[in-house]
Amino acid sequence: MIQKKKSWCIIILFSTLLFIACASANKNAKIIISLGTFKEVALDSNVEWTYLKMIKIYPSKLNCSVNERYANLYICERLKNKDTIYVFEECEKIASFVLDTKPDHMPIIDKNDVVYQHSNKVTVFVKPDFKMPVNAKYLFARISNLTEY
């Protein structure tokens, strides 16, 4: 009987440790990405909007302050040419339409919402092992919704 209780205690202990380890692995960490080795993408100057498909969203976990700026990271597919773009949206809350996959909620970048003056580093909250590919293209912009226009 005592041996059986010990076995159950060990099983429960290992299950708890496994659960905690898995939960910790799924948490996003604050990471500073240096953008110097990546290419800033230029949007077409002759079109008002760039249409996107969301692939992955990493929301900012903290609000910006005077000393610290944080960004939402949207990994998007540019519908025109199927390029993957890493869009950084600093000091904004994630809009609910970004999570909506209905056709009337088309995420876009308005060419007037692109930020050209920005730091060469950005702070985001991503998986601890997150890495942007060597050939990654990025942009600082505010994500909009086609129904806003």
Protein backbone atom coordinates (compact mmCIF):
# COMPACT_ATOMS: atom_id res chain seq x y z
CA MET A 1 0.00 0.00 0.00
CA ILE A 2 2.79 2.46 0.90
CA GLN A 3 4.69 1.50 -2.25
CA LYS A 4 1.57 2.23 -4.33
CA LYS A 5 1.18 5.69 -2.72
CA LYS A 6 4.86 6.46 -3.44
CA SER A 7 4.38 5.49 -7.07
CA TRP A 8 1.36 7.78 -7.40
CA CYS A 9 3.22 10.63 -5.73
CA ILE A 10 6.13 10.23 -8.15
CA ILE A 11 3.76 10.12 -11.13
CA ILE A 12 1.96 13.25 -9.96
CA LEU A 13 5.26 15.04 -9.30
CA PHE A 14 6.64 14.26 -12.76
CA SER A 15 3.34 15.18 -14.44
CA THR A 16 3.33 18.53 -12.64
CA LEU A 17 6.94 19.25 -13.59
CA LEU A 18 6.24 18.33 -17.22
CA PHE A 19 3.17 20.59 -17.29
CA ILE A 20 5.14 23.52 -15.82
CA ALA A 21 8.02 23.00 -18.26
CA CYS A 22 5.67 22.91 -21.25
CA ALA A 23 3.77 25.98 -20.07
CA SER A 24 7.03 27.90 -19.65
CA ALA A 25 8.20 26.92 -23.12
CA ASN A 26 5.06 28.44 -24.66
CA LYS A 27 5.52 31.86 -23.04
CA ASN A 28 6.75 34.79 -25.04
CA ALA A 29 9.90 36.58 -23.93
CA LYS A 30 10.95 40.21 -24.36
CA ILE A 31 13.48 40.23 -27.21
CA ILE A 32 15.36 43.12 -28.82
CA ILE A 33 15.79 42.60 -32.55
CA SER A 34 18.60 44.48 -34.28
CA LEU A 35 17.37 45.30 -37.78
CA GLY A 36 20.73 46.19 -39.33
CA THR A 37 21.09 42.92 -41.22
CA PHE A 38 17.54 42.85 -42.61
CA LYS A 39 16.00 44.68 -45.54
CA GLU A 40 13.38 47.38 -45.03
CA VAL A 41 10.68 46.79 -47.61
CA ALA A 42 9.36 49.59 -49.82
CA LEU A 43 5.68 49.58 -50.66
CA ASP A 44 4.47 50.44 -54.14
CA SER A 45 4.20 54.21 -54.36
CA ASN A 46 1.44 54.08 -56.97
CA VAL A 47 -1.06 52.21 -54.77
CA GLU A 48 -2.83 53.47 -51.66
CA TRP A 49 -3.06 50.16 -49.80
CA THR A 50 -1.02 47.00 -49.47
CA TYR A 51 -3.19 43.95 -48.85
CA LEU A 52 -2.03 41.39 -46.30
CA LYS A 53 -2.74 37.94 -45.01
CA MET A 54 -1.79 37.39 -41.37
CA ILE A 55 0.48 34.42 -40.75
CA LYS A 56 1.44 34.95 -37.10
CA ILE A 57 0.80 37.67 -34.52
CA TYR A 58 2.97 38.48 -31.52
CA PRO A 59 1.24 41.18 -29.46
CA SER A 60 3.17 43.54 -27.24
CA LYS A 61 2.82 42.63 -23.59
CA LEU A 62 3.62 46.10 -22.21
CA ASN A 63 2.53 49.66 -22.90
CA CYS A 64 5.12 52.09 -24.18
CA SER A 65 6.63 54.63 -21.83
CA VAL A 66 8.92 57.63 -22.24
CA ASN A 67 11.99 55.38 -21.98
CA GLU A 68 10.75 52.14 -23.53
CA ARG A 69 8.98 51.36 -26.80
CA TYR A 70 7.41 48.00 -27.58
CA ALA A 71 5.96 46.69 -30.81
CA ASN A 72 3.37 44.24 -31.98
CA LEU A 73 4.92 41.94 -34.54
CA TYR A 74 2.80 40.78 -37.45
CA ILE A 75 4.29 38.18 -39.74
CA CYS A 76 2.31 38.74 -42.95
CA GLU A 77 2.07 37.58 -46.50
CA ARG A 78 1.85 40.41 -48.98
CA LEU A 79 -0.98 39.28 -51.25
CA LYS A 80 0.35 40.95 -54.40
CA ASN A 81 3.61 39.02 -54.60
CA LYS A 82 3.41 36.46 -51.75
CA ASP A 83 6.43 38.01 -49.97
CA THR A 84 6.65 37.52 -46.22
CA ILE A 85 6.91 40.85 -44.38
CA TYR A 86 7.64 41.38 -40.69
CA VAL A 87 5.51 44.38 -39.74
CA PHE A 88 6.36 46.18 -36.50
CA GLU A 89 3.60 48.33 -35.04
CA GLU A 90 4.96 50.32 -32.12
CA CYS A 91 2.91 51.50 -29.15
CA GLU A 92 -0.46 50.30 -30.49
CA LYS A 93 -2.99 47.82 -29.17
CA ILE A 94 -3.77 44.82 -31.35
CA ALA A 95 -6.98 45.60 -33.23
CA SER A 96 -9.65 42.90 -33.01
CA PHE A 97 -10.09 42.77 -36.80
CA VAL A 98 -6.54 41.46 -37.16
CA LEU A 99 -7.65 38.21 -35.56
CA ASP A 100 -10.77 37.96 -37.74
CA THR A 101 -10.40 35.82 -40.86
CA LYS A 102 -13.67 36.85 -42.55
CA PRO A 103 -13.23 38.34 -46.04
CA ASP A 104 -14.67 41.72 -45.00
CA HIS A 105 -11.82 42.14 -42.49
CA MET A 106 -8.94 42.48 -44.91
CA PRO A 107 -5.80 43.71 -43.10
CA ILE A 108 -4.00 46.41 -45.05
CA ILE A 109 -1.19 48.92 -44.73
CA ASP A 110 -2.17 52.39 -45.84
CA LYS A 111 0.89 54.03 -47.42
CA ASN A 112 0.26 57.05 -45.14
CA ASP A 113 0.65 54.83 -42.06
CA VAL A 114 4.20 53.70 -42.81
CA VAL A 115 6.79 54.94 -40.33
CA TYR A 116 10.06 55.84 -42.02
CA GLN A 117 11.90 57.36 -39.05
CA HIS A 118 12.52 54.59 -36.52
CA SER A 119 15.23 52.96 -34.48
CA ASN A 120 17.40 50.20 -35.90
CA LYS A 121 16.30 48.06 -32.94
CA VAL A 122 12.82 46.98 -31.90
CA THR A 123 11.56 45.29 -28.75
CA VAL A 124 8.97 42.56 -29.23
CA PHE A 125 7.50 39.67 -27.25
CA VAL A 126 8.14 36.41 -29.09
CA LYS A 127 9.10 32.81 -28.38
CA PRO A 128 12.55 32.68 -26.75
CA ASP A 129 13.97 30.81 -29.77
CA PHE A 130 12.47 33.24 -32.34
CA LYS A 131 14.79 34.21 -35.19
CA MET A 132 14.03 36.29 -38.26
CA PRO A 133 15.38 34.63 -41.41
CA VAL A 134 18.54 36.14 -42.88
CA ASN A 135 16.65 37.44 -45.93
CA ALA A 136 13.72 38.84 -43.91
CA LYS A 137 11.95 42.00 -45.06
CA TYR A 138 10.46 44.33 -42.48
CA LEU A 139 8.41 47.48 -42.18
CA PHE A 140 7.22 49.80 -39.42
CA ALA A 141 3.56 50.62 -39.98
CA ARG A 142 0.10 50.70 -38.48
CA ILE A 143 -2.14 47.84 -39.58
CA SER A 144 -5.55 48.97 -40.80
CA ASN A 145 -8.73 47.31 -41.94
CA LEU A 146 -10.27 47.75 -45.36
CA THR A 147 -13.65 48.46 -43.72
CA GLU A 148 -12.13 51.56 -42.02
CA TYR A 149 -12.02 53.30 -45.40
